[in-house]
Amino acid sequence: MGSQEGGYRSRYGIDKLREGNYPVWKWNCQALLEEAEVWEIVTGTAAKPVKVGDGPEPPVKDVKLWDTKDKKARRIIGFTVIDELQGPVREAQSAKQAWDELEELHAPNDRQRQFALNRQLFSCKMLSTTPLKDHERDFSAIVEALKATGKSMEHADVITQYLLSLSKEYETFALGLNMRIESNWTFNMVKGLVRVEEQRMSNIANSMKLRMQTLQGQSPNRAKRRRLLENVITVTSSVT
């Protein structure tokens, strides 16, 4: 996608939050927070240990562990937001507050969200220089975000749009595959077939590269043998 350019890509490999891409960013960032095991801090499920009434003080180690996780969650959120929109993250007292503020500011209503996501889906085009895994991840994130809004996504429509989004190197393959699609095919099945095709093209490219290297390596040897043969003929002629 075009967002891979101009500093919109975060250190975690997902697009940073900017105007118009909140639903996709939310889905991706939540996945990062879950992977880092700090999502419960952001949702408030794991509240900060505090003294309750006349009860004992919470264990220091528990408080420190919560603070560490909260800071980690805020870092992830902050590093996945463009500089111009980081105000709520910088001013927040916790990761949950930062997350809630961003949602309040950038989450559009369902109709606006679906419109924005549909536009992103149709403009999600794979470049020749884009790794397939990156394009697949971005496309899938938009589809999942659309589903989260309640939009019904037919398998055939998603599959067709995905095949159309592939780079020109896949054009012949995508056309042939589209003609074979059956009613029971799923998006995941098609993604798997595209990965197989990527590996096939990679194998061919590597084979051709190796062949070229072999031929280039043989050329000097052939020239050397030719020179040796010419020398032998010259010596033989002089002796004769």
C-alpha atoms as a PDB file:
ATOM      1  CA  MET A   1       0.000   0.000   0.000  1.00  0.00           C
ATOM      2  CA  GLY A   2       1.038   3.609  -0.431  1.00  0.00           C
ATOM      3  CA  SER A   3       1.224   4.017   3.315  1.00  0.00           C
ATOM      4  CA  GLN A   4       4.503   2.148   3.324  1.00  0.00           C
ATOM      5  CA  GLU A   5       6.020   5.383   2.125  1.00  0.00           C
ATOM      6  CA  GLY A   6       6.492   8.727   3.836  1.00  0.00           C
ATOM      7  CA  GLY A   7       6.957   7.582   7.443  1.00  0.00           C
ATOM      8  CA  TYR A   8       3.485   6.077   7.940  1.00  0.00           C
ATOM      9  CA  ARG A   9       4.921   2.653   8.773  1.00  0.00           C
ATOM     10  CA  SER A  10       5.566   2.030  12.459  1.00  0.00           C
ATOM     11  CA  ARG A  11       8.510   0.137  13.923  1.00  0.00           C
ATOM     12  CA  TYR A  12       6.103  -2.761  14.499  1.00  0.00           C
ATOM     13  CA  GLY A  13       5.310  -3.135  10.810  1.00  0.00           C
ATOM     14  CA  ILE A  14       1.757  -1.726  10.919  1.00  0.00           C
ATOM     15  CA  ASP A  15       0.498   1.580   9.567  1.00  0.00           C
ATOM     16  CA  LYS A  16       0.469   4.418  12.080  1.00  0.00           C
ATOM     17  CA  LEU A  17      -2.788   6.030  13.110  1.00  0.00           C
ATOM     18  CA  ARG A  18      -3.602   9.040  10.958  1.00  0.00           C
ATOM     19  CA  GLU A  19      -6.751  10.717   9.736  1.00  0.00           C
ATOM     20  CA  GLY A  20      -9.089   8.214   8.093  1.00  0.00           C
ATOM     21  CA  ASN A  21      -7.551   4.862   9.045  1.00  0.00           C
ATOM     22  CA  TYR A  22      -8.671   4.449  12.672  1.00  0.00           C
ATOM     23  CA  PRO A  23     -10.630   1.162  12.225  1.00  0.00           C
ATOM     24  CA  VAL A  24      -7.696  -0.628  10.599  1.00  0.00           C
ATOM     25  CA  TRP A  25      -5.191   0.885  13.044  1.00  0.00           C
ATOM     26  CA  LYS A  26      -7.348  -0.179  15.995  1.00  0.00           C
ATOM     27  CA  TRP A  27      -7.492  -3.785  14.802  1.00  0.00           C
ATOM     28  CA  ASN A  28      -3.736  -3.952  14.160  1.00  0.00           C
ATOM     29  CA  CYS A  29      -2.734  -2.153  17.347  1.00  0.00           C
ATOM     30  CA  GLN A  30      -4.979  -4.353  19.470  1.00  0.00           C
ATOM     31  CA  ALA A  31      -3.268  -7.388  17.962  1.00  0.00           C
ATOM     32  CA  LEU A  32       0.119  -5.920  18.939  1.00  0.00           C
ATOM     33  CA  LEU A  33      -1.044  -5.210  22.476  1.00  0.00           C
ATOM     34  CA  GLU A  34      -2.429  -8.723  22.824  1.00  0.00           C
ATOM     35  CA  GLU A  35       0.829 -10.175  21.523  1.00  0.00           C
ATOM     36  CA  ALA A  36       2.728  -8.108  24.104  1.00  0.00           C
ATOM     37  CA  GLU A  37       0.337  -9.385  26.800  1.00  0.00           C
ATOM     38  CA  VAL A  38      -0.734  -5.888  27.861  1.00  0.00           C
ATOM     39  CA  TRP A  39      -4.191  -5.687  26.277  1.00  0.00           C
ATOM     40  CA  GLU A  40      -5.875  -6.272  29.646  1.00  0.00           C
ATOM     41  CA  ILE A  41      -4.114  -3.130  30.911  1.00  0.00           C
ATOM     42  CA  VAL A  42      -5.607  -1.084  28.063  1.00  0.00           C
ATOM     43  CA  THR A  43      -9.139  -2.424  28.531  1.00  0.00           C
ATOM     44  CA  GLY A  44      -8.994  -1.921  32.301  1.00  0.00           C
ATOM     45  CA  THR A  45      -9.564  -5.618  32.955  1.00  0.00           C
ATOM     46  CA  ALA A  46      -6.317  -5.622  34.919  1.00  0.00           C
ATOM     47  CA  ALA A  47      -6.677  -2.563  37.147  1.00  0.00           C
ATOM     48  CA  LYS A  48      -3.754  -1.035  39.004  1.00  0.00           C
ATOM     49  CA  PRO A  49      -3.385  -2.585  42.467  1.00  0.00           C
ATOM     50  CA  VAL A  50      -4.451  -0.048  45.116  1.00  0.00           C
ATOM     51  CA  LYS A  51      -5.223  -0.028  48.801  1.00  0.00           C
ATOM     52  CA  VAL A  52      -8.918  -0.603  49.451  1.00  0.00           C
ATOM     53  CA  GLY A  53     -10.365   1.031  52.566  1.00  0.00           C
ATOM     54  CA  ASP A  54      -8.578  -0.127  55.647  1.00  0.00           C
ATOM     55  CA  GLY A  55      -7.070  -3.086  53.848  1.00  0.00           C
ATOM     56  CA  PRO A  56      -3.360  -3.727  53.416  1.00  0.00           C
ATOM     57  CA  GLU A  57      -1.191  -1.970  50.898  1.00  0.00           C
ATOM     58  CA  PRO A  58      -0.866  -3.953  47.661  1.00  0.00           C
ATOM     59  CA  PRO A  59       2.439  -5.785  47.180  1.00  0.00           C
ATOM     60  CA  VAL A  60       5.083  -3.491  45.762  1.00  0.00           C
ATOM     61  CA  LYS A  61       6.065  -6.044  43.140  1.00  0.00           C
ATOM     62  CA  ASP A  62       2.469  -6.165  41.849  1.00  0.00           C
ATOM     63  CA  VAL A  63       2.320  -2.384  41.544  1.00  0.00           C
ATOM     64  CA  LYS A  64       5.681  -2.285  39.755  1.00  0.00           C
ATOM     65  CA  LEU A  65       4.592  -5.052  37.378  1.00  0.00           C
ATOM     66  CA  TRP A  66       1.408  -3.151  36.506  1.00  0.00           C
ATOM     67  CA  ASP A  67       3.341   0.094  35.967  1.00  0.00           C
ATOM     68  CA  THR A  68       5.790  -1.723  33.686  1.00  0.00           C
ATOM     69  CA  LYS A  69       2.971  -3.178  31.600  1.00  0.00           C
ATOM     70  CA  ASP A  70       1.158   0.154  31.436  1.00  0.00           C
ATOM     71  CA  LYS A  71       4.286   1.933  30.189  1.00  0.00           C
ATOM     72  CA  LYS A  72       4.848  -0.812  27.629  1.00  0.00           C
ATOM     73  CA  ALA A  73       1.278  -0.474  26.363  1.00  0.00           C
ATOM     74  CA  ARG A  74       1.604   3.316  26.106  1.00  0.00           C
ATOM     75  CA  ARG A  75       4.847   2.950  24.161  1.00  0.00           C
ATOM     76  CA  ILE A  76       3.221   0.608  21.659  1.00  0.00           C
ATOM     77  CA  ILE A  77       0.258   2.952  21.230  1.00  0.00           C
ATOM     78  CA  GLY A  78       2.503   6.012  20.952  1.00  0.00           C
ATOM     79  CA  PHE A  79       4.886   4.478  18.428  1.00  0.00           C
ATOM     80  CA  THR A  80       1.933   3.523  16.186  1.00  0.00           C
ATOM     81  CA  VAL A  81       0.480   7.055  16.000  1.00  0.00           C
ATOM     82  CA  ILE A  82       1.824   9.803  13.736  1.00  0.00           C
ATOM     83  CA  ASP A  83       3.463  12.708  15.560  1.00  0.00           C
ATOM     84  CA  GLU A  84       0.643  15.145  14.807  1.00  0.00           C
ATOM     85  CA  LEU A  85      -1.926  12.953  16.616  1.00  0.00           C
ATOM     86  CA  GLN A  86       0.144  11.942  19.651  1.00  0.00           C
ATOM     87  CA  GLY A  87      -1.241  14.650  21.962  1.00  0.00           C
ATOM     88  CA  PRO A  88      -3.739  12.376  23.759  1.00  0.00           C
ATOM     89  CA  VAL A  89      -1.052   9.728  24.266  1.00  0.00           C
ATOM     90  CA  ARG A  90       1.451  12.192  25.745  1.00  0.00           C
ATOM     91  CA  GLU A  91      -1.124  13.731  28.072  1.00  0.00           C
ATOM     92  CA  ALA A  92      -2.694  10.466  29.210  1.00  0.00           C
ATOM     93  CA  GLN A  93      -2.019   9.163  32.687  1.00  0.00           C
ATOM     94  CA  SER A  94      -2.420   5.557  31.585  1.00  0.00           C
ATOM     95  CA  ALA A  95      -2.554   3.396  28.491  1.00  0.00           C
ATOM     96  CA  LYS A  96      -6.312   2.973  28.942  1.00  0.00           C
ATOM     97  CA  GLN A  97      -6.834   6.724  29.000  1.00  0.00           C
ATOM     98  CA  ALA A  98      -4.725   7.155  25.868  1.00  0.00           C
ATOM     99  CA  TRP A  99      -6.659   4.417  24.065  1.00  0.00           C
ATOM    100  CA  ASP A 100     -10.053   5.792  25.088  1.00  0.00           C
ATOM    101  CA  GLU A 101      -9.113   9.349  24.056  1.00  0.00           C
ATOM    102  CA  LEU A 102      -7.955   8.201  20.628  1.00  0.00           C
ATOM    103  CA  GLU A 103     -11.158   6.232  20.149  1.00  0.00           C
ATOM    104  CA  GLU A 104     -13.310   9.198  21.121  1.00  0.00           C
ATOM    105  CA  LEU A 105     -11.435  11.489  18.727  1.00  0.00           C
ATOM    106  CA  HIS A 106     -11.039   9.221  15.717  1.00  0.00           C
ATOM    107  CA  ALA A 107     -13.709   6.512  15.755  1.00  0.00           C
ATOM    108  CA  PRO A 108     -16.335   7.463  13.165  1.00  0.00           C
ATOM    109  CA  ASN A 109     -19.909   6.182  13.253  1.00  0.00           C
ATOM    110  CA  ASP A 110     -20.631   2.852  11.543  1.00  0.00           C
ATOM    111  CA  ARG A 111     -21.748   4.305   8.221  1.00  0.00           C
ATOM    112  CA  GLN A 112     -18.746   6.604   7.972  1.00  0.00           C
ATOM    113  CA  ARG A 113     -16.503   3.764   9.076  1.00  0.00           C
ATOM    114  CA  GLN A 114     -17.823   1.404   6.431  1.00  0.00           C
ATOM    115  CA  PHE A 115     -17.451   4.047   3.738  1.00  0.00           C
ATOM    116  CA  ALA A 116     -13.852   4.785   4.770  1.00  0.00           C
ATOM    117  CA  LEU A 117     -12.991   1.097   4.973  1.00  0.00           C
ATOM    118  CA  ASN A 118     -14.574   0.281   1.627  1.00  0.00           C
ATOM    119  CA  ARG A 119     -12.509   3.056   0.072  1.00  0.00           C
ATOM    120  CA  GLN A 120      -9.364   1.633   1.704  1.00  0.00           C
ATOM    121  CA  LEU A 121     -10.229  -1.861   0.479  1.00  0.00           C
ATOM    122  CA  PHE A 122     -10.635  -0.781  -3.147  1.00  0.00           C
ATOM    123  CA  SER A 123      -7.451   1.315  -3.026  1.00  0.00           C
ATOM    124  CA  CYS A 124      -5.420  -1.458  -1.382  1.00  0.00           C
ATOM    125  CA  LYS A 125      -3.188  -2.371  -4.322  1.00  0.00           C
ATOM    126  CA  MET A 126      -0.052  -4.470  -4.147  1.00  0.00           C
ATOM    127  CA  LEU A 127       3.059  -2.980  -5.743  1.00  0.00           C
ATOM    128  CA  SER A 128       5.662  -5.123  -7.466  1.00  0.00           C
ATOM    129  CA  THR A 129       8.046  -4.242  -4.629  1.00  0.00           C
ATOM    130  CA  THR A 130       5.555  -5.080  -1.865  1.00  0.00           C
ATOM    131  CA  PRO A 131       6.114  -8.422  -0.086  1.00  0.00           C
ATOM    132  CA  LEU A 132       3.036 -10.622  -0.422  1.00  0.00           C
ATOM    133  CA  LYS A 133       2.833 -11.160   3.336  1.00  0.00           C
ATOM    134  CA  ASP A 134       2.603  -7.400   3.941  1.00  0.00           C
ATOM    135  CA  HIS A 135      -0.119  -6.925   1.352  1.00  0.00           C
ATOM    136  CA  GLU A 136      -2.033  -9.929   2.654  1.00  0.00           C
ATOM    137  CA  ARG A 137      -1.873  -8.570   6.204  1.00  0.00           C
ATOM    138  CA  ASP A 138      -3.066  -5.094   5.195  1.00  0.00           C
ATOM    139  CA  PHE A 139      -5.892  -6.419   3.022  1.00  0.00           C
ATOM    140  CA  SER A 140      -7.036  -8.885   5.693  1.00  0.00           C
ATOM    141  CA  ALA A 141      -7.004  -6.169   8.361  1.00  0.00           C
ATOM    142  CA  ILE A 142      -9.376  -4.020   6.302  1.00  0.00           C
ATOM    143  CA  VAL A 143     -11.703  -6.972   5.709  1.00  0.00           C
ATOM    144  CA  GLU A 144     -11.762  -7.805   9.432  1.00  0.00           C
ATOM    145  CA  ALA A 145     -12.401  -4.163  10.313  1.00  0.00           C
ATOM    146  CA  LEU A 146     -15.328  -4.089   7.874  1.00  0.00           C
ATOM    147  CA  LYS A 147     -16.765  -7.222   9.431  1.00  0.00           C
ATOM    148  CA  ALA A 148     -16.430  -5.608  12.858  1.00  0.00           C
ATOM    149  CA  THR A 149     -18.783  -2.834  11.707  1.00  0.00           C
ATOM    150  CA  GLY A 150     -21.446  -5.436  10.977  1.00  0.00           C
ATOM    151  CA  LYS A 151     -21.020  -5.387   7.214  1.00  0.00           C
ATOM    152  CA  SER A 152     -21.819  -8.700   5.514  1.00  0.00           C
ATOM    153  CA  MET A 153     -18.830  -9.835   3.459  1.00  0.00           C
ATOM    154  CA  GLU A 154     -19.507 -12.515   0.843  1.00  0.00           C
ATOM    155  CA  HIS A 155     -16.571 -14.901   0.357  1.00  0.00           C
ATOM    156  CA  ALA A 156     -16.727 -14.595  -3.422  1.00  0.00           C
ATOM    157  CA  ASP A 157     -16.626 -10.794  -3.309  1.00  0.00           C
ATOM    158  CA  VAL A 158     -13.670 -10.718  -0.915  1.00  0.00           C
ATOM    159  CA  ILE A 159     -11.784 -13.297  -2.978  1.00  0.00           C
ATOM    160  CA  THR A 160     -12.380 -11.429  -6.239  1.00  0.00           C
ATOM    161  CA  GLN A 161     -11.297  -8.117  -4.732  1.00  0.00           C
ATOM    162  CA  TYR A 162      -8.170  -9.725  -3.274  1.00  0.00           C
ATOM    163  CA  LEU A 163      -7.177 -11.241  -6.621  1.00  0.00           C
ATOM    164  CA  LEU A 164      -7.725  -7.860  -8.299  1.00  0.00           C
ATOM    165  CA  SER A 165      -5.526  -6.198  -5.677  1.00  0.00           C
ATOM    166  CA  LEU A 166      -2.461  -8.332  -6.482  1.00  0.00           C
ATOM    167  CA  SER A 167       0.445  -6.890  -8.463  1.00  0.00           C
ATOM    168  CA  LYS A 168       0.776  -7.359 -12.224  1.00  0.00           C
ATOM    169  CA  GLU A 169       3.102 -10.359 -11.752  1.00  0.00           C
ATOM    170  CA  TYR A 170       0.077 -12.338 -10.522  1.00  0.00           C
ATOM    171  CA  GLU A 171      -2.306 -11.173 -13.267  1.00  0.00           C
ATOM    172  CA  THR A 172      -2.362 -14.395 -15.325  1.00  0.00           C
ATOM    173  CA  PHE A 173      -2.504 -16.573 -12.218  1.00  0.00           C
ATOM    174  CA  ALA A 174      -5.286 -14.479 -10.664  1.00  0.00           C
ATOM    175  CA  LEU A 175      -7.363 -14.599 -13.844  1.00  0.00           C
ATOM    176  CA  GLY A 176      -7.049 -18.371 -14.088  1.00  0.00           C
ATOM    177  CA  LEU A 177      -7.794 -18.877 -10.405  1.00  0.00           C
ATOM    178  CA  ASN A 178     -10.841 -16.618 -10.566  1.00  0.00           C
ATOM    179  CA  MET A 179     -12.285 -18.847 -13.290  1.00  0.00           C
ATOM    180  CA  ARG A 180     -11.938 -21.896 -11.008  1.00  0.00           C
ATOM    181  CA  ILE A 181     -13.507 -20.427  -7.857  1.00  0.00           C
ATOM    182  CA  GLU A 182     -16.215 -22.627  -6.360  1.00  0.00           C
ATOM    183  CA  SER A 183     -18.992 -21.690  -3.946  1.00  0.00           C
ATOM    184  CA  ASN A 184     -17.348 -23.453  -0.991  1.00  0.00           C
ATOM    185  CA  TRP A 185     -14.000 -21.663  -1.345  1.00  0.00           C
ATOM    186  CA  THR A 186     -12.936 -19.371   1.495  1.00  0.00           C
ATOM    187  CA  PHE A 187     -10.674 -16.341   1.581  1.00  0.00           C
ATOM    188  CA  ASN A 188      -8.110 -18.293   3.608  1.00  0.00           C
ATOM    189  CA  MET A 189      -8.023 -21.028   0.946  1.00  0.00           C
ATOM    190  CA  VAL A 190      -7.301 -18.472  -1.766  1.00  0.00           C
ATOM    191  CA  LYS A 191      -4.618 -16.787   0.320  1.00  0.00           C
ATOM    192  CA  GLY A 192      -2.935 -20.169   0.639  1.00  0.00           C
ATOM    193  CA  LEU A 193      -3.050 -20.722  -3.131  1.00  0.00           C
ATOM    194  CA  VAL A 194      -1.551 -17.287  -3.754  1.00  0.00           C
ATOM    195  CA  ARG A 195       1.286 -18.076  -1.340  1.00  0.00           C
ATOM    196  CA  VAL A 196       1.988 -21.290  -3.266  1.00  0.00           C
ATOM    197  CA  GLU A 197       2.113 -19.286  -6.490  1.00  0.00           C
ATOM    198  CA  GLU A 198       4.496 -16.798  -4.864  1.00  0.00           C
ATOM    199  CA  GLN A 199       6.818 -19.662  -3.918  1.00  0.00           C
ATOM    200  CA  ARG A 200       6.611 -21.100  -7.442  1.00  0.00           C
ATOM    201  CA  MET A 201       7.557 -17.752  -8.995  1.00  0.00           C
ATOM    202  CA  SER A 202      10.357 -17.343  -6.457  1.00  0.00           C
ATOM    203  CA  ASN A 203      11.733 -20.796  -7.310  1.00  0.00           C
ATOM    204  CA  ILE A 204      11.705 -19.980 -11.021  1.00  0.00           C
ATOM    205  CA  ALA A 205      13.432 -16.655 -10.435  1.00  0.00           C
ATOM    206  CA  ASN A 206      16.096 -18.284  -8.240  1.00  0.00           C
ATOM    207  CA  SER A 207      16.618 -21.056 -10.808  1.00  0.00           C
ATOM    208  CA  MET A 208      17.088 -18.540 -13.622  1.00  0.00           C
ATOM    209  CA  LYS A 209      19.466 -16.494 -11.476  1.00  0.00           C
ATOM    210  CA  LEU A 210      21.535 -19.574 -10.680  1.00  0.00           C
ATOM    211  CA  ARG A 211      21.612 -20.548 -14.348  1.00  0.00           C
ATOM    212  CA  MET A 212      22.824 -17.071 -15.333  1.00  0.00           C
ATOM    213  CA  GLN A 213      25.517 -17.182 -12.666  1.00  0.00           C
ATOM    214  CA  THR A 214      26.594 -20.617 -13.928  1.00  0.00           C
ATOM    215  CA  LEU A 215      26.778 -19.435 -17.511  1.00  0.00           C
ATOM    216  CA  GLN A 216      28.714 -16.335 -16.515  1.00  0.00           C
ATOM    217  CA  GLY A 217      31.101 -18.503 -14.536  1.00  0.00           C
ATOM    218  CA  GLN A 218      31.651 -20.808 -17.488  1.00  0.00           C
ATOM    219  CA  SER A 219      32.465 -18.072 -19.992  1.00  0.00           C
ATOM    220  CA  PRO A 220      35.988 -17.310 -18.725  1.00  0.00           C
ATOM    221  CA  ASN A 221      36.770 -21.031 -18.570  1.00  0.00           C
ATOM    222  CA  ARG A 222      35.653 -21.530 -22.144  1.00  0.00           C
ATOM    223  CA  ALA A 223      37.767 -18.601 -23.270  1.00  0.00           C
ATOM    224  CA  LYS A 224      40.742 -19.990 -21.338  1.00  0.00           C
ATOM    225  CA  ARG A 225      40.346 -23.420 -22.936  1.00  0.00           C
ATOM    226  CA  ARG A 226      40.100 -21.793 -26.357  1.00  0.00           C
ATOM    227  CA  ARG A 227      43.322 -19.856 -25.740  1.00  0.00           C
ATOM    228  CA  LEU A 228      45.117 -23.009 -24.580  1.00  0.00           C
ATOM    229  CA  LEU A 229      43.953 -24.857 -27.686  1.00  0.00           C
ATOM    230  CA  GLU A 230      45.150 -22.006 -29.898  1.00  0.00           C
ATOM    231  CA  ASN A 231      48.550 -22.124 -28.148  1.00  0.00           C
ATOM    232  CA  VAL A 232      48.832 -25.843 -28.719  1.00  0.00           C
ATOM    233  CA  ILE A 233      47.985 -25.401 -32.401  1.00  0.00           C
ATOM    234  CA  THR A 234      50.536 -22.597 -32.686  1.00  0.00           C
ATOM    235  CA  VAL A 235      53.284 -24.665 -31.028  1.00  0.00           C
ATOM    236  CA  THR A 236      52.452 -27.689 -33.149  1.00  0.00           C
ATOM    237  CA  SER A 237      52.533 -25.623 -36.289  1.00  0.00           C
ATOM    238  CA  SER A 238      55.915 -24.128 -35.404  1.00  0.00           C
ATOM    239  CA  VAL A 239      57.404 -27.529 -34.667  1.00  0.00           C
ATOM    240  CA  THR A 240      56.093 -28.866 -37.913  1.00  0.00           C
END
